[in-house]
Protein backbone atom coordinates (compact mmCIF):
# COMPACT_ATOMS: atom_id res chain seq x y z
CA MET A 1 76.92 18.10 -18.05
CA THR A 2 78.67 16.34 -20.91
CA ALA A 3 82.37 15.52 -20.91
CA GLN A 4 82.89 18.00 -23.75
CA ASN A 5 81.20 20.84 -21.86
CA SER A 6 83.19 20.03 -18.74
CA ALA A 7 86.45 20.08 -20.67
CA THR A 8 85.69 23.45 -22.25
CA ARG A 9 84.31 25.07 -19.10
CA PRO A 10 86.06 28.42 -18.44
CA ILE A 11 88.59 28.57 -15.64
CA PRO A 12 87.09 30.52 -12.71
CA ILE A 13 88.29 34.13 -12.44
CA ALA A 14 89.46 33.57 -8.86
CA VAL A 15 91.69 30.73 -10.00
CA GLN A 16 93.11 32.85 -12.83
CA ARG A 17 93.83 35.70 -10.43
CA GLY A 18 95.48 33.30 -7.99
CA ALA A 19 97.74 31.99 -10.74
CA ARG A 20 98.65 35.51 -11.84
CA SER A 21 99.37 36.69 -8.30
CA GLY A 22 101.40 33.55 -7.59
CA SER A 23 103.46 34.07 -10.74
CA ALA A 24 103.95 37.75 -9.87
CA LEU A 25 105.16 36.93 -6.35
CA ALA A 26 107.50 34.21 -7.57
CA GLY A 27 108.74 36.62 -10.26
CA LEU A 28 109.58 39.21 -7.59
CA GLY A 29 111.53 36.52 -5.80
CA VAL A 30 113.50 35.83 -8.98
CA VAL A 31 114.36 39.53 -9.31
CA ALA A 32 115.63 39.55 -5.71
CA PHE A 33 117.63 36.37 -6.28
CA SER A 34 119.17 37.75 -9.49
CA LEU A 35 121.02 40.36 -7.43
CA THR A 36 122.45 37.77 -5.04
CA PHE A 37 125.63 36.95 -6.96
CA PRO A 38 126.62 40.59 -7.66
CA ALA A 39 125.85 41.47 -4.03
CA THR A 40 127.91 38.50 -2.86
CA ALA A 41 130.82 39.63 -5.04
CA TRP A 42 130.57 43.05 -3.38
CA GLY A 43 130.37 41.45 0.06
CA LEU A 44 133.56 39.48 -0.60
CA GLU A 45 135.39 42.81 -0.95
CA SER A 46 134.98 43.26 2.81
CA PHE A 47 134.50 39.77 4.25
CA GLY A 48 135.88 36.29 3.85
CA PRO A 49 133.49 33.66 2.41
CA TRP A 50 132.75 31.94 5.73
CA SER A 51 132.24 35.25 7.55
CA LEU A 52 129.96 36.60 4.83
CA VAL A 53 127.67 33.56 4.86
CA ALA A 54 127.49 33.42 8.67
CA VAL A 55 126.93 37.15 9.21
CA ARG A 56 124.27 37.36 6.49
CA SER A 57 122.38 34.54 8.21
CA VAL A 58 122.61 36.29 11.59
CA LEU A 59 121.30 39.56 10.16
CA ALA A 60 118.49 37.81 8.28
CA ALA A 61 117.57 35.86 11.44
CA ALA A 62 117.46 39.12 13.39
CA ILE A 63 115.01 40.58 10.85
CA ALA A 64 112.91 37.42 10.87
CA GLY A 65 112.98 37.13 14.66
CA THR A 66 111.81 40.73 15.02
CA PHE A 67 108.79 40.05 12.81
CA LEU A 68 108.00 36.79 14.60
CA LEU A 69 108.15 38.45 18.03
CA ALA A 70 106.22 41.54 16.94
CA ARG A 71 103.43 39.36 15.53
CA ARG A 72 103.60 37.00 18.53
CA VAL A 73 103.71 34.02 16.21
CA PRO A 74 103.53 30.71 18.12
CA LEU A 75 106.11 28.00 17.56
CA PRO A 76 105.36 25.75 14.57
CA ASP A 77 103.87 22.32 15.19
CA ARG A 78 106.39 19.60 15.88
CA ALA A 79 105.50 17.96 12.57
CA HIS A 80 106.86 21.02 10.68
CA TRP A 81 110.33 21.14 12.23
CA ALA A 82 111.85 18.43 10.03
CA GLY A 83 110.76 20.32 6.91
CA LEU A 84 112.07 23.59 8.34
CA ALA A 85 115.42 21.89 8.96
CA VAL A 86 115.58 20.95 5.27
CA VAL A 87 114.79 24.55 4.29
CA ALA A 88 117.48 25.81 6.67
CA ALA A 89 120.10 23.35 5.42
CA GLY A 90 119.31 24.07 1.78
CA VAL A 91 118.64 27.80 1.42
CA VAL A 92 120.06 29.32 4.62
CA VAL A 93 123.35 27.41 4.87
CA GLY A 94 124.06 25.16 1.89
CA PHE A 95 123.29 27.34 -1.13
CA PRO A 96 124.80 30.60 0.22
CA LEU A 97 127.98 28.85 1.37
CA LEU A 98 128.59 26.80 -1.77
CA THR A 99 127.87 29.69 -4.15
CA THR A 100 130.05 32.07 -2.13
CA LEU A 101 132.94 29.59 -2.32
CA ALA A 102 132.31 29.21 -6.07
CA LEU A 103 132.43 32.98 -6.64
CA GLN A 104 136.03 33.06 -5.45
CA THR A 105 137.05 31.38 -8.73
CA SER A 106 134.05 31.93 -11.03
CA THR A 107 132.63 35.16 -12.43
CA THR A 108 129.09 36.07 -11.45
CA SER A 109 127.95 35.81 -15.07
CA HIS A 110 129.32 32.26 -15.38
CA ALA A 111 127.85 31.23 -12.02
CA ALA A 112 124.48 32.73 -12.96
CA VAL A 113 124.14 30.65 -16.11
CA VAL A 114 125.19 27.45 -14.31
CA VAL A 115 122.51 28.09 -11.70
CA GLY A 116 120.10 28.18 -14.62
CA LEU A 117 119.97 24.41 -14.04
CA LEU A 118 118.15 25.05 -10.75
CA PRO A 119 114.64 25.14 -12.29
CA LEU A 120 114.96 21.63 -13.71
CA THR A 121 116.58 20.36 -10.52
CA THR A 122 113.77 21.83 -8.42
CA ALA A 123 111.08 20.43 -10.73
CA VAL A 124 112.58 16.94 -10.47
CA VAL A 125 112.96 17.07 -6.68
CA SER A 126 109.44 18.49 -6.31
CA SER A 127 107.97 15.75 -8.48
CA LEU A 128 109.70 13.07 -6.41
CA ARG A 129 108.76 14.69 -3.09
CA THR A 130 105.15 15.72 -3.74
CA GLY A 131 104.07 13.29 -6.43
CA ALA A 132 103.19 16.11 -8.85
CA ARG A 133 103.23 15.02 -12.50
CA PRO A 134 103.78 17.91 -14.95
CA SER A 135 102.98 17.26 -18.61
CA ARG A 136 105.44 16.05 -21.23
CA PRO A 137 105.65 19.49 -22.94
CA PHE A 138 106.58 20.96 -19.56
CA TRP A 139 109.41 18.46 -19.09
CA ALA A 140 110.56 18.93 -22.68
CA ALA A 141 110.90 22.68 -22.18
CA ALA A 142 112.55 22.27 -18.77
CA VAL A 143 115.08 19.78 -20.11
CA ALA A 144 115.77 21.99 -23.14
CA GLY A 145 116.60 24.89 -20.83
CA ALA A 146 118.89 22.69 -18.75
CA VAL A 147 120.70 21.37 -21.84
CA ILE A 148 121.32 24.93 -23.05
CA VAL A 149 122.76 25.89 -19.67
CA LEU A 150 124.95 22.78 -19.44
CA GLY A 151 126.22 23.30 -22.98
CA PHE A 152 127.15 26.88 -22.15
CA THR A 153 128.97 25.77 -19.01
CA LEU A 154 131.05 23.15 -20.82
CA GLY A 155 131.76 25.53 -23.69
CA GLN A 156 133.01 28.25 -21.37
CA SER A 157 135.27 25.86 -19.47
CA GLY A 158 136.80 24.21 -22.53
CA GLY A 159 134.78 21.03 -22.15
CA SER A 160 135.73 20.39 -18.53
CA LEU A 161 134.34 21.48 -15.18
CA SER A 162 136.21 23.60 -12.65
CA ALA A 163 136.25 23.45 -8.86
CA GLY A 164 133.89 26.40 -8.85
CA ASP A 165 131.41 24.46 -10.97
CA GLY A 166 131.57 21.61 -8.47
CA TYR A 167 130.46 23.99 -5.73
CA LEU A 168 127.70 25.34 -7.97
CA PHE A 169 126.30 21.92 -8.86
CA GLY A 170 126.29 20.97 -5.18
CA ALA A 171 124.42 24.21 -4.47
CA LEU A 172 121.77 23.23 -7.03
CA LEU A 173 120.93 20.02 -5.20
CA VAL A 174 120.67 21.44 -1.70
CA CYS A 175 118.75 24.51 -2.89
CA ALA A 176 116.25 22.41 -4.86
CA ALA A 177 115.52 20.39 -1.72
CA GLY A 178 115.07 23.58 0.31
CA TYR A 179 112.79 25.15 -2.29
CA THR A 180 110.64 22.04 -2.56
CA GLU A 181 110.20 21.62 1.17
CA GLY A 182 109.64 25.34 1.66
CA GLY A 183 106.98 25.38 -1.05
CA ARG A 184 105.22 22.47 0.64
CA LEU A 185 105.33 24.17 4.05
CA ALA A 186 104.11 27.46 2.57
CA ARG A 187 100.77 25.74 1.94
CA LEU A 188 100.51 25.20 5.70
CA LEU A 189 102.25 28.32 7.08
CA PRO A 190 102.63 31.88 5.73
CA GLY A 191 105.68 32.12 3.49
CA TRP A 192 107.48 34.62 5.72
CA GLN A 193 107.10 32.28 8.68
CA VAL A 194 108.65 29.40 6.74
CA ILE A 195 111.86 31.30 6.02
CA GLY A 196 111.64 33.09 9.35
CA TRP A 197 111.64 29.93 11.44
CA ALA A 198 114.31 28.35 9.22
CA LEU A 199 116.57 31.33 9.87
CA VAL A 200 115.89 31.23 13.61
CA LEU A 201 116.60 27.50 13.63
CA CYS A 202 120.05 28.22 12.14
CA LEU A 203 120.83 31.12 14.48
CA PRO A 204 123.05 29.20 16.97
CA LEU A 205 125.13 27.82 14.09
CA SER A 206 125.23 31.24 12.37
CA LEU A 207 126.36 32.99 15.54
CA ALA A 208 129.13 30.46 16.11
CA GLY A 209 130.19 30.71 12.47
CA SER A 210 130.25 34.50 12.66
CA VAL A 211 132.50 34.50 15.72
CA LEU A 212 134.94 32.02 14.19
CA GLY A 213 134.86 33.55 10.72
CA LEU A 214 135.42 37.11 11.89
CA ALA A 215 138.24 35.92 14.15
CA TYR A 216 140.17 34.12 11.40
CA GLU A 217 139.24 36.01 8.22
CA PRO A 218 140.34 39.64 7.71
CA VAL A 219 137.64 42.31 7.44
CA HIS A 220 138.14 45.42 5.28
CA LEU A 221 134.91 47.41 5.35
CA THR A 222 133.99 49.21 2.14
CA ALA A 223 130.73 50.75 0.95
CA HIS A 224 130.29 47.97 -1.60
CA GLY A 225 131.03 45.33 1.00
CA VAL A 226 128.43 46.64 3.45
CA ILE A 227 125.77 47.13 0.76
CA GLY A 228 126.40 43.62 -0.53
CA LEU A 229 126.07 42.14 2.96
CA VAL A 230 122.84 44.03 3.69
CA TRP A 231 121.27 42.97 0.40
CA VAL A 232 122.07 39.26 0.67
CA ALA A 233 120.71 39.29 4.24
CA ALA A 234 117.58 41.43 3.86
CA GLY A 235 116.86 41.22 0.14
CA SER A 236 117.90 37.77 -1.02
CA THR A 237 117.54 35.72 2.15
CA PHE A 238 114.46 37.20 3.82
CA LEU A 239 112.40 39.29 1.38
CA GLY A 240 113.22 37.22 -1.70
CA LEU A 241 112.40 33.90 -0.07
CA TYR A 242 109.24 35.32 1.51
CA VAL A 243 107.63 36.28 -1.81
CA TRP A 244 109.13 33.19 -3.49
CA TYR A 245 107.51 30.75 -1.09
CA ARG A 246 104.18 32.60 -1.23
CA GLY A 247 104.18 32.41 -5.01
CA MET A 248 105.28 28.79 -4.98
CA ALA A 249 102.42 27.88 -2.65
CA GLU A 250 99.91 29.35 -5.13
CA ILE A 251 101.19 27.95 -8.45
CA GLY A 252 103.20 24.91 -7.36
CA ALA A 253 106.92 24.28 -7.01
CA ALA A 254 107.47 22.88 -10.50
CA ARG A 255 105.84 25.77 -12.35
CA ALA A 256 107.33 28.46 -10.10
CA SER A 257 110.79 26.96 -10.45
CA GLN A 258 110.77 27.49 -14.21
CA LEU A 259 110.46 31.26 -13.71
CA GLN A 260 114.02 31.08 -12.46
CA LEU A 261 115.16 30.41 -15.99
CA ALA A 262 115.02 34.23 -16.28
CA GLN A 263 117.43 34.64 -13.37
CA PRO A 264 120.65 34.11 -15.38
CA LEU A 265 119.69 36.82 -17.86
CA LEU A 266 118.94 39.28 -15.05
CA THR A 267 122.16 38.44 -13.23
CA LEU A 268 124.16 38.91 -16.43
CA VAL A 269 122.74 42.42 -16.69
CA TRP A 270 123.58 43.19 -13.05
CA SER A 271 127.10 41.76 -13.35
CA VAL A 272 127.86 44.08 -16.27
CA ALA A 273 126.12 47.13 -14.78
CA LEU A 274 127.35 46.78 -11.18
CA LEU A 275 130.62 44.86 -11.46
CA GLY A 276 131.85 45.86 -14.90
CA GLU A 277 132.31 42.23 -15.93
CA HIS A 278 132.85 41.33 -19.55
CA MET A 279 129.94 39.37 -20.93
CA SER A 280 130.75 36.42 -23.14
CA PRO A 281 128.96 36.62 -26.52
CA ALA A 282 127.50 33.18 -25.77
CA ALA A 283 126.07 34.24 -22.40
CA PRO A 284 123.16 36.42 -23.59
CA VAL A 285 122.41 33.91 -26.33
CA ALA A 286 122.16 31.10 -23.76
CA ALA A 287 120.15 33.25 -21.37
CA GLY A 288 117.80 34.38 -24.14
CA ALA A 289 117.23 30.81 -25.27
CA VAL A 290 116.11 29.74 -21.82
CA LEU A 291 113.56 32.58 -21.81
CA VAL A 292 111.81 30.76 -24.63
CA CYS A 293 111.69 27.68 -22.42
CA ILE A 294 110.08 29.75 -19.65
CA ALA A 295 107.26 30.79 -21.94
CA VAL A 296 106.54 27.15 -22.73
CA THR A 297 106.61 25.94 -19.12
CA GLN A 298 104.22 28.71 -18.04
CA ARG A 299 101.69 27.94 -20.78
CA VAL A 300 101.48 24.18 -20.31
CA LYS A 301 100.34 22.23 -17.27
């Protein structure tokens, strides 16, 4: 077979279907994640920030533990525990805690657009960790999306960053590490087991945090507060990460991460519909611009 024929050979249908299913699963994860900030804002109506993060982890661990016990899943190999610890530190503890603290001073719409930097952060961390080398057009589109998000952030804050933005940028780093390691492990373990074991690993810390948080932070139960807590535990933490890691395992961390450029736009819609927040005229423009970058990153290698 000549080099020309090899280069123009059609992509096998099974590979195309795998890419489509991986993108669909990762996309479902993005939809689940887009509700996290509005749900967290609701949860803060009833719980303090430390209590909310700890209790959501306990509830999510209970769901995960039930599935693990029901399926009689054996303990992961010793070689996987270090990676699971990174997942736990990044997506179970670090990201929820830092974003919850940020939402005490930032609106959900502002926080959502800042977190639009997560796709680029994840792509960079994934490239360093796994040795993957996306093409130049991919990086150009990813950087363009990040620049748009950063420009929006500085414009909304008068050219300076707030304490809430500091929490958000810290959340980007720890979450990117957790996503990358989780995507790697999802090639070796089912996606639900990756997040499941990470949650179980954090259970002692979550239980201790729940006891301390509930003892020192006032609790005022409301319907919104309970719904918000249930969603961030079952929807964002367990279900969202399950489909996210499955999709990431099929299409790669770098490509999957760029689907999250749509997350700010979705969260902006939820923040207006569920929280009644005022949307800055620049917010939908910034979110719409990053959608263009998504289209590019999904079409190039």
